[in-house]
């Protein structure tokens, strides 16, 4: 399902997010120097399949997705009776439409970054898993910045143009959504990033909800791009 929308405000928020990350390190949400810092990142560790990943969760980690489960079936919604439906009918809180008026909360999300096998060497994939019990909505792409040795590079990834459509990207309970990021689409010269800065929903989340994750495989950053959220990494890659 591809849904797009026009959101000039989202682009403005992306810029604000990157500026707010200037001077951020990979430590906790506050430092002794008084500067804003993103939550502590997880450790990048190659998975058994050869896919490197790192993750961060504002609270205790719940289910998480890794790699690219192309064509994988979505989770079964769970209602108050534990059977996917509320007593007496469908549980509206697990339907996609519920997400249009209920943005995701950072405390219910697990955010990761991976380097999937079979993808271009310049591409990383951001994964966002909804650990909550209800469907929630995300902006149609995350805000993405980059750092090197703990200092923000002041470079943000550009999303696709001409967006339009439904008011949010719905993520059902237990589901994972993916956003491809191309660090260097043209192969040009630029600084080498060792960390990616992610705000999962720039339209509704404050900058403090951003996370900084290590890039297990560093890469040169030049005119980076970020794709739209989709339920497979390859579908997101196609939107770059």
Protein backbone atom coordinates (compact mmCIF):
# COMPACT_ATOMS: atom_id res chain seq x y z
CA UNK A 1 0.00 0.00 0.00
CA UNK A 2 1.56 3.32 -1.07
CA UNK A 3 0.16 6.45 0.51
CA UNK A 4 1.61 9.90 -0.03
CA UNK A 5 0.79 13.39 1.13
CA UNK A 6 1.90 16.97 0.80
CA UNK A 7 3.55 18.27 3.92
CA UNK A 8 5.71 21.36 3.72
CA UNK A 9 5.65 21.43 7.50
CA UNK A 10 7.37 18.04 7.65
CA UNK A 11 10.32 19.37 5.63
CA UNK A 12 10.59 22.37 7.97
CA UNK A 13 10.59 20.03 10.95
CA UNK A 14 13.35 17.91 9.35
CA UNK A 15 15.59 20.98 9.14
CA UNK A 16 14.81 21.88 12.73
CA UNK A 17 15.62 18.33 13.81
CA UNK A 18 19.05 18.40 12.17
CA UNK A 19 19.86 21.81 13.68
CA UNK A 20 18.81 20.57 17.11
CA UNK A 21 21.18 17.62 16.73
CA UNK A 22 24.19 19.89 16.12
CA UNK A 23 26.66 19.13 18.82
CA UNK A 24 24.81 15.93 19.88
CA UNK A 25 26.79 12.87 20.79
CA UNK A 26 25.67 9.29 21.12
CA UNK A 27 25.09 9.56 24.85
CA UNK A 28 21.87 10.01 26.83
CA UNK A 29 19.22 12.67 26.48
CA UNK A 30 21.25 15.19 28.48
CA UNK A 31 24.99 15.79 28.96
CA UNK A 32 27.21 17.54 31.46
CA UNK A 33 27.84 20.25 28.86
CA UNK A 34 24.12 21.12 28.87
CA UNK A 35 23.65 20.27 25.18
CA UNK A 36 20.76 18.17 23.90
CA UNK A 37 21.75 14.59 23.31
CA UNK A 38 19.84 11.77 21.69
CA UNK A 39 19.05 8.59 23.68
CA UNK A 40 21.90 6.09 24.02
CA UNK A 41 22.30 3.98 20.92
CA UNK A 42 22.57 0.22 20.84
CA UNK A 43 25.66 -1.56 19.66
CA UNK A 44 25.99 -2.40 15.98
CA UNK A 45 26.42 -6.17 15.69
CA UNK A 46 26.38 -8.20 12.45
CA UNK A 47 23.50 -10.66 12.50
CA UNK A 48 23.98 -14.31 11.68
CA UNK A 49 22.79 -13.67 8.13
CA UNK A 50 25.46 -11.04 7.61
CA UNK A 51 23.10 -8.09 8.04
CA UNK A 52 24.54 -5.50 10.39
CA UNK A 53 22.14 -3.67 12.68
CA UNK A 54 21.90 -1.35 15.66
CA UNK A 55 18.86 -0.39 17.68
CA UNK A 56 17.51 1.99 20.28
CA UNK A 57 14.32 2.04 22.32
CA UNK A 58 13.17 4.92 24.55
CA UNK A 59 11.86 2.33 27.05
CA UNK A 60 12.22 -1.43 27.50
CA UNK A 61 12.58 -3.11 24.13
CA UNK A 62 9.64 -4.99 22.70
CA UNK A 63 9.37 -6.92 19.41
CA UNK A 64 11.83 -5.79 16.78
CA UNK A 65 12.30 -6.39 13.08
CA UNK A 66 15.59 -6.98 11.31
CA UNK A 67 16.53 -7.42 7.68
CA UNK A 68 13.87 -7.28 5.00
CA UNK A 69 10.95 -9.70 5.42
CA UNK A 70 9.68 -9.03 1.92
CA UNK A 71 6.17 -10.25 1.54
CA UNK A 72 5.89 -11.11 5.24
CA UNK A 73 2.36 -11.14 6.60
CA UNK A 74 1.39 -8.38 9.03
CA UNK A 75 0.61 -9.14 12.68
CA UNK A 76 -2.81 -10.23 13.85
CA UNK A 77 -4.48 -7.29 15.62
CA UNK A 78 -5.24 -7.96 19.28
CA UNK A 79 -8.39 -6.64 20.96
CA UNK A 80 -9.45 -6.46 24.60
CA UNK A 81 -10.58 -10.11 24.51
CA UNK A 82 -7.15 -11.22 23.22
CA UNK A 83 -8.68 -12.67 20.04
CA UNK A 84 -8.24 -9.79 17.60
CA UNK A 85 -11.70 -8.35 18.24
CA UNK A 86 -13.34 -6.47 21.05
CA UNK A 87 -16.29 -8.18 22.69
CA UNK A 88 -19.29 -7.61 20.47
CA UNK A 89 -17.41 -6.42 17.36
CA UNK A 90 -14.18 -5.28 15.70
CA UNK A 91 -11.62 -3.45 17.82
CA UNK A 92 -11.35 -0.06 16.11
CA UNK A 93 -8.07 0.73 17.86
CA UNK A 94 -6.25 -1.82 15.69
CA UNK A 95 -7.64 -0.52 12.40
CA UNK A 96 -5.60 1.69 10.06
CA UNK A 97 -8.05 4.59 10.36
CA UNK A 98 -7.29 4.82 14.09
CA UNK A 99 -3.75 5.91 13.20
CA UNK A 100 -5.00 9.02 11.42
CA UNK A 101 -5.86 10.66 14.75
CA UNK A 102 -3.46 8.78 17.05
CA UNK A 103 0.25 9.47 16.37
CA UNK A 104 2.80 6.95 17.59
CA UNK A 105 4.43 7.52 20.97
CA UNK A 106 8.22 7.23 21.05
CA UNK A 107 8.05 5.11 24.21
CA UNK A 108 6.18 2.41 22.26
CA UNK A 109 8.65 2.24 19.38
CA UNK A 110 11.85 0.31 18.74
CA UNK A 111 14.09 1.99 16.15
CA UNK A 112 16.92 0.19 14.35
CA UNK A 113 19.24 0.73 11.40
CA UNK A 114 20.44 -2.13 9.20
CA UNK A 115 22.65 -2.73 6.16
CA UNK A 116 20.66 -5.40 4.30
CA UNK A 117 22.38 -7.87 2.01
CA UNK A 118 21.55 -7.41 -1.67
CA UNK A 119 21.05 -3.63 -1.34
CA UNK A 120 23.39 -0.97 -2.80
CA UNK A 121 26.44 -0.35 -0.61
CA UNK A 122 25.34 3.23 0.06
CA UNK A 123 21.90 2.22 1.39
CA UNK A 124 20.94 1.74 5.03
CA UNK A 125 17.44 0.82 6.21
CA UNK A 126 15.70 2.34 9.24
CA UNK A 127 13.16 0.02 10.90
CA UNK A 128 10.45 1.17 13.32
CA UNK A 129 8.46 -1.40 15.33
CA UNK A 130 5.22 -0.59 17.16
CA UNK A 131 5.36 -2.29 20.56
CA UNK A 132 2.05 -0.78 21.68
CA UNK A 133 -1.37 -2.43 21.84
CA UNK A 134 -3.07 -0.09 19.37
CA UNK A 135 -2.42 1.04 15.80
CA UNK A 136 -0.57 4.35 15.62
CA UNK A 137 0.37 6.82 12.90
CA UNK A 138 3.76 8.01 11.67
CA UNK A 139 4.70 10.76 9.28
CA UNK A 140 5.36 9.30 5.85
CA UNK A 141 9.14 9.32 6.33
CA UNK A 142 11.54 9.82 9.24
CA UNK A 143 13.80 12.84 9.63
CA UNK A 144 17.38 11.73 9.05
CA UNK A 145 20.69 13.42 9.91
CA UNK A 146 24.26 12.20 10.29
CA UNK A 147 27.16 12.54 12.71
CA UNK A 148 30.87 11.78 12.73
CA UNK A 149 32.79 11.16 15.96
CA UNK A 150 29.87 12.55 17.98
CA UNK A 151 29.47 15.79 16.03
CA UNK A 152 26.51 16.47 13.73
CA UNK A 153 27.50 16.97 10.09
CA UNK A 154 24.65 19.40 9.43
CA UNK A 155 23.41 17.28 6.52
CA UNK A 156 19.83 16.00 6.28
CA UNK A 157 18.38 13.37 3.95
CA UNK A 158 15.87 14.67 1.41
CA UNK A 159 12.48 12.89 1.09
CA UNK A 160 10.59 12.33 -2.19
CA UNK A 161 8.77 15.35 -3.64
CA UNK A 162 5.09 15.79 -4.41
CA UNK A 163 3.71 13.85 -1.45
CA UNK A 164 -0.03 13.59 -0.97
CA UNK A 165 -2.65 11.19 0.35
CA UNK A 166 -3.85 9.89 3.71
CA UNK A 167 -2.93 11.88 6.86
CA UNK A 168 -0.60 9.25 8.38
CA UNK A 169 1.25 6.00 7.78
CA UNK A 170 -0.48 3.40 10.00
CA UNK A 171 1.57 0.85 11.97
CA UNK A 172 -0.48 -1.89 13.65
CA UNK A 173 0.46 -3.47 17.00
CA UNK A 174 3.61 -5.58 16.64
CA UNK A 175 4.20 -4.45 13.05
CA UNK A 176 7.48 -3.10 11.67
CA UNK A 177 7.78 -0.47 8.97
CA UNK A 178 10.88 0.38 6.92
CA UNK A 179 12.48 3.51 5.46
CA UNK A 180 15.44 3.20 3.08
CA UNK A 181 18.20 5.81 3.31
CA UNK A 182 20.76 6.33 0.54
CA UNK A 183 23.81 8.05 2.01
CA UNK A 184 25.36 8.93 -1.34
CA UNK A 185 23.08 8.38 -4.37
CA UNK A 186 25.48 9.94 -6.90
CA UNK A 187 28.73 8.57 -5.47
CA UNK A 188 30.12 12.05 -4.87
CA UNK A 189 32.67 13.15 -2.30
CA UNK A 190 31.73 14.16 1.22
CA UNK A 191 32.33 13.56 4.93
CA UNK A 192 32.28 10.03 6.31
CA UNK A 193 29.45 9.41 8.80
CA UNK A 194 29.69 6.83 11.57
CA UNK A 195 26.28 7.58 13.11
CA UNK A 196 22.74 8.19 11.86
CA UNK A 197 20.29 10.47 13.70
CA UNK A 198 16.62 9.44 13.42
CA UNK A 199 13.37 11.14 14.41
CA UNK A 200 10.69 8.57 13.58
CA UNK A 201 7.81 11.08 13.27
CA UNK A 202 9.01 14.65 12.63
CA UNK A 203 5.44 16.00 12.45
CA UNK A 204 4.40 14.95 15.97
CA UNK A 205 7.50 14.10 18.01
CA UNK A 206 9.80 16.60 19.75
CA UNK A 207 13.48 16.56 18.88
CA UNK A 208 14.17 14.93 22.26
CA UNK A 209 12.55 11.75 20.91
CA UNK A 210 15.25 11.41 18.27
CA UNK A 211 17.78 8.58 18.56
CA UNK A 212 21.38 8.35 17.37
CA UNK A 213 22.54 4.92 16.21
CA UNK A 214 25.98 3.78 15.06
CA UNK A 215 26.41 2.84 11.42
CA UNK A 216 28.03 -0.58 11.62
CA UNK A 217 29.38 0.17 8.14
CA UNK A 218 30.45 3.80 7.83
CA UNK A 219 29.82 5.66 4.60
CA UNK A 220 30.45 8.88 2.71
CA UNK A 221 27.49 11.25 2.91
CA UNK A 222 26.66 13.43 -0.10
CA UNK A 223 23.14 14.63 -0.99
CA UNK A 224 21.50 11.77 0.97
CA UNK A 225 17.90 10.75 0.37
CA UNK A 226 15.28 9.02 2.55
CA UNK A 227 12.44 6.91 1.18
CA UNK A 228 8.86 6.64 2.39
CA UNK A 229 7.84 4.22 5.11
CA UNK A 230 6.70 0.87 3.69
CA UNK A 231 6.19 -2.60 5.10
CA UNK A 232 9.16 -4.02 3.19
CA UNK A 233 12.55 -2.39 2.79
CA UNK A 234 12.53 -2.93 -0.96
CA UNK A 235 9.26 -1.07 -1.38
CA UNK A 236 10.78 1.86 0.49
CA UNK A 237 13.92 1.65 -1.64
CA UNK A 238 11.74 2.03 -4.73
CA UNK A 239 10.56 5.45 -3.50
CA UNK A 240 14.05 6.98 -3.35
